[in-house]
């Protein structure tokens, strides 16, 4: 096994992933859910892997039960979602794919997995909490 192969094996073992906690808040007649994670990218000179934070916010019509991917709004000119988001109490499972109908395939999204769902109480900056 060459040195490059060893580097790739160790890098794959240390690759970042999704946070296990997701947040939600009520916005009008729907809910906004935010999931976060850490992603890996090769450095520009290909000598190492660098990590960066990433997130995805999506809207759902309810915060309990099974939500079909078709119920999740998507930006114009993007592929629709297929699959489900299942929420039971504080537990959420995302199992969604992009429906690349023109290519006749479905690609799982990076945010699939199990999460603990907690309500996001406020967007108030930390320094302003408790002050009136």
C-alpha atoms as a PDB file:
ATOM      1  CA  UNK A   1       0.000   0.000   0.000  1.00  0.00           C
ATOM      2  CA  UNK A   2       1.495   3.308  -1.060  1.00  0.00           C
ATOM      3  CA  UNK A   3       1.798   6.405   1.083  1.00  0.00           C
ATOM      4  CA  UNK A   4      -0.996   8.147  -0.829  1.00  0.00           C
ATOM      5  CA  UNK A   5      -3.301   5.194  -0.141  1.00  0.00           C
ATOM      6  CA  UNK A   6      -2.497   5.376   3.581  1.00  0.00           C
ATOM      7  CA  UNK A   7      -3.200   9.101   3.625  1.00  0.00           C
ATOM      8  CA  UNK A   8      -6.553   8.528   1.917  1.00  0.00           C
ATOM      9  CA  UNK A   9      -7.503   5.758   4.368  1.00  0.00           C
ATOM     10  CA  UNK A  10      -6.697   7.902   7.419  1.00  0.00           C
ATOM     11  CA  UNK A  11      -8.396  10.946   5.882  1.00  0.00           C
ATOM     12  CA  UNK A  12     -11.564   8.952   5.212  1.00  0.00           C
ATOM     13  CA  UNK A  13     -11.655   7.797   8.840  1.00  0.00           C
ATOM     14  CA  UNK A  14     -11.393  11.376  10.074  1.00  0.00           C
ATOM     15  CA  UNK A  15     -13.895  12.944   7.681  1.00  0.00           C
ATOM     16  CA  UNK A  16     -16.364  15.273   9.348  1.00  0.00           C
ATOM     17  CA  UNK A  17     -20.116  14.677   9.221  1.00  0.00           C
ATOM     18  CA  UNK A  18     -23.466  16.033  10.330  1.00  0.00           C
ATOM     19  CA  UNK A  19     -24.185  17.353  13.816  1.00  0.00           C
ATOM     20  CA  UNK A  20     -26.625  15.152  15.692  1.00  0.00           C
ATOM     21  CA  UNK A  21     -28.728  18.121  16.844  1.00  0.00           C
ATOM     22  CA  UNK A  22     -31.005  20.122  14.527  1.00  0.00           C
ATOM     23  CA  UNK A  23     -33.045  23.198  15.425  1.00  0.00           C
ATOM     24  CA  UNK A  24     -36.512  24.347  14.419  1.00  0.00           C
ATOM     25  CA  UNK A  25     -38.710  27.401  14.848  1.00  0.00           C
ATOM     26  CA  UNK A  26     -42.231  28.341  13.852  1.00  0.00           C
ATOM     27  CA  UNK A  27     -42.410  30.852  10.998  1.00  0.00           C
ATOM     28  CA  UNK A  28     -45.953  31.874  10.140  1.00  0.00           C
ATOM     29  CA  UNK A  29     -47.915  28.777   9.139  1.00  0.00           C
ATOM     30  CA  UNK A  30     -44.878  26.491   8.720  1.00  0.00           C
ATOM     31  CA  UNK A  31     -41.669  25.472  10.496  1.00  0.00           C
ATOM     32  CA  UNK A  32     -38.074  26.148   9.529  1.00  0.00           C
ATOM     33  CA  UNK A  33     -35.568  23.399  10.344  1.00  0.00           C
ATOM     34  CA  UNK A  34     -31.802  23.939  10.324  1.00  0.00           C
ATOM     35  CA  UNK A  35     -29.232  21.163  10.186  1.00  0.00           C
ATOM     36  CA  UNK A  36     -25.487  21.699  10.450  1.00  0.00           C
ATOM     37  CA  UNK A  37     -22.346  19.747   9.807  1.00  0.00           C
ATOM     38  CA  UNK A  38     -18.687  19.879   8.991  1.00  0.00           C
ATOM     39  CA  UNK A  39     -17.446  19.163   5.492  1.00  0.00           C
ATOM     40  CA  UNK A  40     -13.999  18.307   4.211  1.00  0.00           C
ATOM     41  CA  UNK A  41     -12.194  19.658   1.171  1.00  0.00           C
ATOM     42  CA  UNK A  42      -8.707  19.141  -0.155  1.00  0.00           C
ATOM     43  CA  UNK A  43      -6.419  22.127   0.254  1.00  0.00           C
ATOM     44  CA  UNK A  44      -5.517  23.981  -2.940  1.00  0.00           C
ATOM     45  CA  UNK A  45      -2.087  22.381  -3.087  1.00  0.00           C
ATOM     46  CA  UNK A  46      -3.571  18.892  -2.383  1.00  0.00           C
ATOM     47  CA  UNK A  47      -1.334  18.357   0.668  1.00  0.00           C
ATOM     48  CA  UNK A  48      -4.161  17.976   3.144  1.00  0.00           C
ATOM     49  CA  UNK A  49      -7.810  18.106   3.946  1.00  0.00           C
ATOM     50  CA  UNK A  50      -9.359  21.257   5.363  1.00  0.00           C
ATOM     51  CA  UNK A  51     -12.752  21.359   7.069  1.00  0.00           C
ATOM     52  CA  UNK A  52     -15.485  23.973   7.008  1.00  0.00           C
ATOM     53  CA  UNK A  53     -18.928  24.395   8.547  1.00  0.00           C
ATOM     54  CA  UNK A  54     -22.011  23.945   6.398  1.00  0.00           C
ATOM     55  CA  UNK A  55     -25.753  24.055   6.963  1.00  0.00           C
ATOM     56  CA  UNK A  56     -29.118  23.573   5.329  1.00  0.00           C
ATOM     57  CA  UNK A  57     -32.360  25.286   6.268  1.00  0.00           C
ATOM     58  CA  UNK A  58     -35.619  23.911   4.921  1.00  0.00           C
ATOM     59  CA  UNK A  59     -39.305  24.503   5.549  1.00  0.00           C
ATOM     60  CA  UNK A  60     -41.882  21.892   6.528  1.00  0.00           C
ATOM     61  CA  UNK A  61     -45.650  22.279   6.995  1.00  0.00           C
ATOM     62  CA  UNK A  62     -45.716  20.541  10.409  1.00  0.00           C
ATOM     63  CA  UNK A  63     -43.304  19.459  13.124  1.00  0.00           C
ATOM     64  CA  UNK A  64     -44.652  15.950  13.716  1.00  0.00           C
ATOM     65  CA  UNK A  65     -45.290  12.872  11.581  1.00  0.00           C
ATOM     66  CA  UNK A  66     -44.082  11.962   8.102  1.00  0.00           C
ATOM     67  CA  UNK A  67     -43.435  14.759   5.624  1.00  0.00           C
ATOM     68  CA  UNK A  68     -43.150  13.831   1.955  1.00  0.00           C
ATOM     69  CA  UNK A  69     -40.251  15.385   0.061  1.00  0.00           C
ATOM     70  CA  UNK A  70     -42.775  16.981  -2.314  1.00  0.00           C
ATOM     71  CA  UNK A  71     -44.056  19.076   0.628  1.00  0.00           C
ATOM     72  CA  UNK A  72     -40.663  20.753   1.102  1.00  0.00           C
ATOM     73  CA  UNK A  73     -40.393  23.946  -0.976  1.00  0.00           C
ATOM     74  CA  UNK A  74     -37.409  24.167  -3.327  1.00  0.00           C
ATOM     75  CA  UNK A  75     -35.843  27.158  -5.081  1.00  0.00           C
ATOM     76  CA  UNK A  76     -36.797  27.628  -8.743  1.00  0.00           C
ATOM     77  CA  UNK A  77     -34.814  25.640 -11.297  1.00  0.00           C
ATOM     78  CA  UNK A  78     -33.618  23.046  -8.751  1.00  0.00           C
ATOM     79  CA  UNK A  79     -34.411  19.364  -8.616  1.00  0.00           C
ATOM     80  CA  UNK A  80     -37.388  18.326  -6.466  1.00  0.00           C
ATOM     81  CA  UNK A  81     -36.951  16.215  -3.353  1.00  0.00           C
ATOM     82  CA  UNK A  82     -38.245  12.667  -3.018  1.00  0.00           C
ATOM     83  CA  UNK A  83     -38.331  10.592   0.144  1.00  0.00           C
ATOM     84  CA  UNK A  84     -39.404  11.611   3.628  1.00  0.00           C
ATOM     85  CA  UNK A  85     -38.604  13.539   6.774  1.00  0.00           C
ATOM     86  CA  UNK A  86     -40.045  11.729   9.791  1.00  0.00           C
ATOM     87  CA  UNK A  87     -40.455  13.544  13.106  1.00  0.00           C
ATOM     88  CA  UNK A  88     -41.569  11.791  16.284  1.00  0.00           C
ATOM     89  CA  UNK A  89     -41.265  13.923  19.391  1.00  0.00           C
ATOM     90  CA  UNK A  90     -37.693  15.187  19.513  1.00  0.00           C
ATOM     91  CA  UNK A  91     -36.373  12.639  17.008  1.00  0.00           C
ATOM     92  CA  UNK A  92     -36.068  13.375  13.285  1.00  0.00           C
ATOM     93  CA  UNK A  93     -34.915  11.161  10.425  1.00  0.00           C
ATOM     94  CA  UNK A  94     -34.115  12.745   7.074  1.00  0.00           C
ATOM     95  CA  UNK A  95     -34.240  10.304   4.153  1.00  0.00           C
ATOM     96  CA  UNK A  96     -34.322  12.460   1.018  1.00  0.00           C
ATOM     97  CA  UNK A  97     -32.916  12.366  -2.490  1.00  0.00           C
ATOM     98  CA  UNK A  98     -32.760  14.840  -5.346  1.00  0.00           C
ATOM     99  CA  UNK A  99     -35.009  13.602  -8.158  1.00  0.00           C
ATOM    100  CA  UNK A 100     -32.768  14.096 -11.170  1.00  0.00           C
ATOM    101  CA  UNK A 101     -35.567  13.088 -13.508  1.00  0.00           C
ATOM    102  CA  UNK A 102     -33.743  14.297 -16.631  1.00  0.00           C
ATOM    103  CA  UNK A 103     -30.852  11.937 -15.828  1.00  0.00           C
ATOM    104  CA  UNK A 104     -33.188   9.140 -14.704  1.00  0.00           C
ATOM    105  CA  UNK A 105     -31.623   8.882 -11.216  1.00  0.00           C
ATOM    106  CA  UNK A 106     -32.090   9.932  -7.605  1.00  0.00           C
ATOM    107  CA  UNK A 107     -29.108  11.189  -5.594  1.00  0.00           C
ATOM    108  CA  UNK A 108     -29.282  11.040  -1.753  1.00  0.00           C
ATOM    109  CA  UNK A 109     -28.634  14.394  -0.086  1.00  0.00           C
ATOM    110  CA  UNK A 110     -25.723  14.929   2.331  1.00  0.00           C
ATOM    111  CA  UNK A 111     -28.103  15.744   5.211  1.00  0.00           C
ATOM    112  CA  UNK A 112     -29.706  12.304   5.472  1.00  0.00           C
ATOM    113  CA  UNK A 113     -29.532  10.785   8.941  1.00  0.00           C
ATOM    114  CA  UNK A 114     -30.904  10.852  12.479  1.00  0.00           C
ATOM    115  CA  UNK A 115     -31.134  14.038  14.518  1.00  0.00           C
ATOM    116  CA  UNK A 116     -32.342  15.245  17.880  1.00  0.00           C
ATOM    117  CA  UNK A 117     -34.662  18.147  17.162  1.00  0.00           C
ATOM    118  CA  UNK A 118     -34.704  21.119  19.559  1.00  0.00           C
ATOM    119  CA  UNK A 119     -36.682  24.329  19.394  1.00  0.00           C
ATOM    120  CA  UNK A 120     -34.669  27.435  18.605  1.00  0.00           C
ATOM    121  CA  UNK A 121     -35.924  29.854  21.240  1.00  0.00           C
ATOM    122  CA  UNK A 122     -34.695  33.180  19.912  1.00  0.00           C
ATOM    123  CA  UNK A 123     -32.515  34.962  17.390  1.00  0.00           C
ATOM    124  CA  UNK A 124     -31.582  37.560  20.014  1.00  0.00           C
ATOM    125  CA  UNK A 125     -27.830  38.208  20.246  1.00  0.00           C
ATOM    126  CA  UNK A 126     -26.260  36.826  23.457  1.00  0.00           C
ATOM    127  CA  UNK A 127     -25.431  40.264  24.830  1.00  0.00           C
ATOM    128  CA  UNK A 128     -29.103  41.317  24.714  1.00  0.00           C
ATOM    129  CA  UNK A 129     -30.613  38.346  26.560  1.00  0.00           C
ATOM    130  CA  UNK A 130     -32.253  39.193  29.836  1.00  0.00           C
ATOM    131  CA  UNK A 131     -32.093  42.962  29.217  1.00  0.00           C
ATOM    132  CA  UNK A 132     -35.278  45.017  29.067  1.00  0.00           C
END
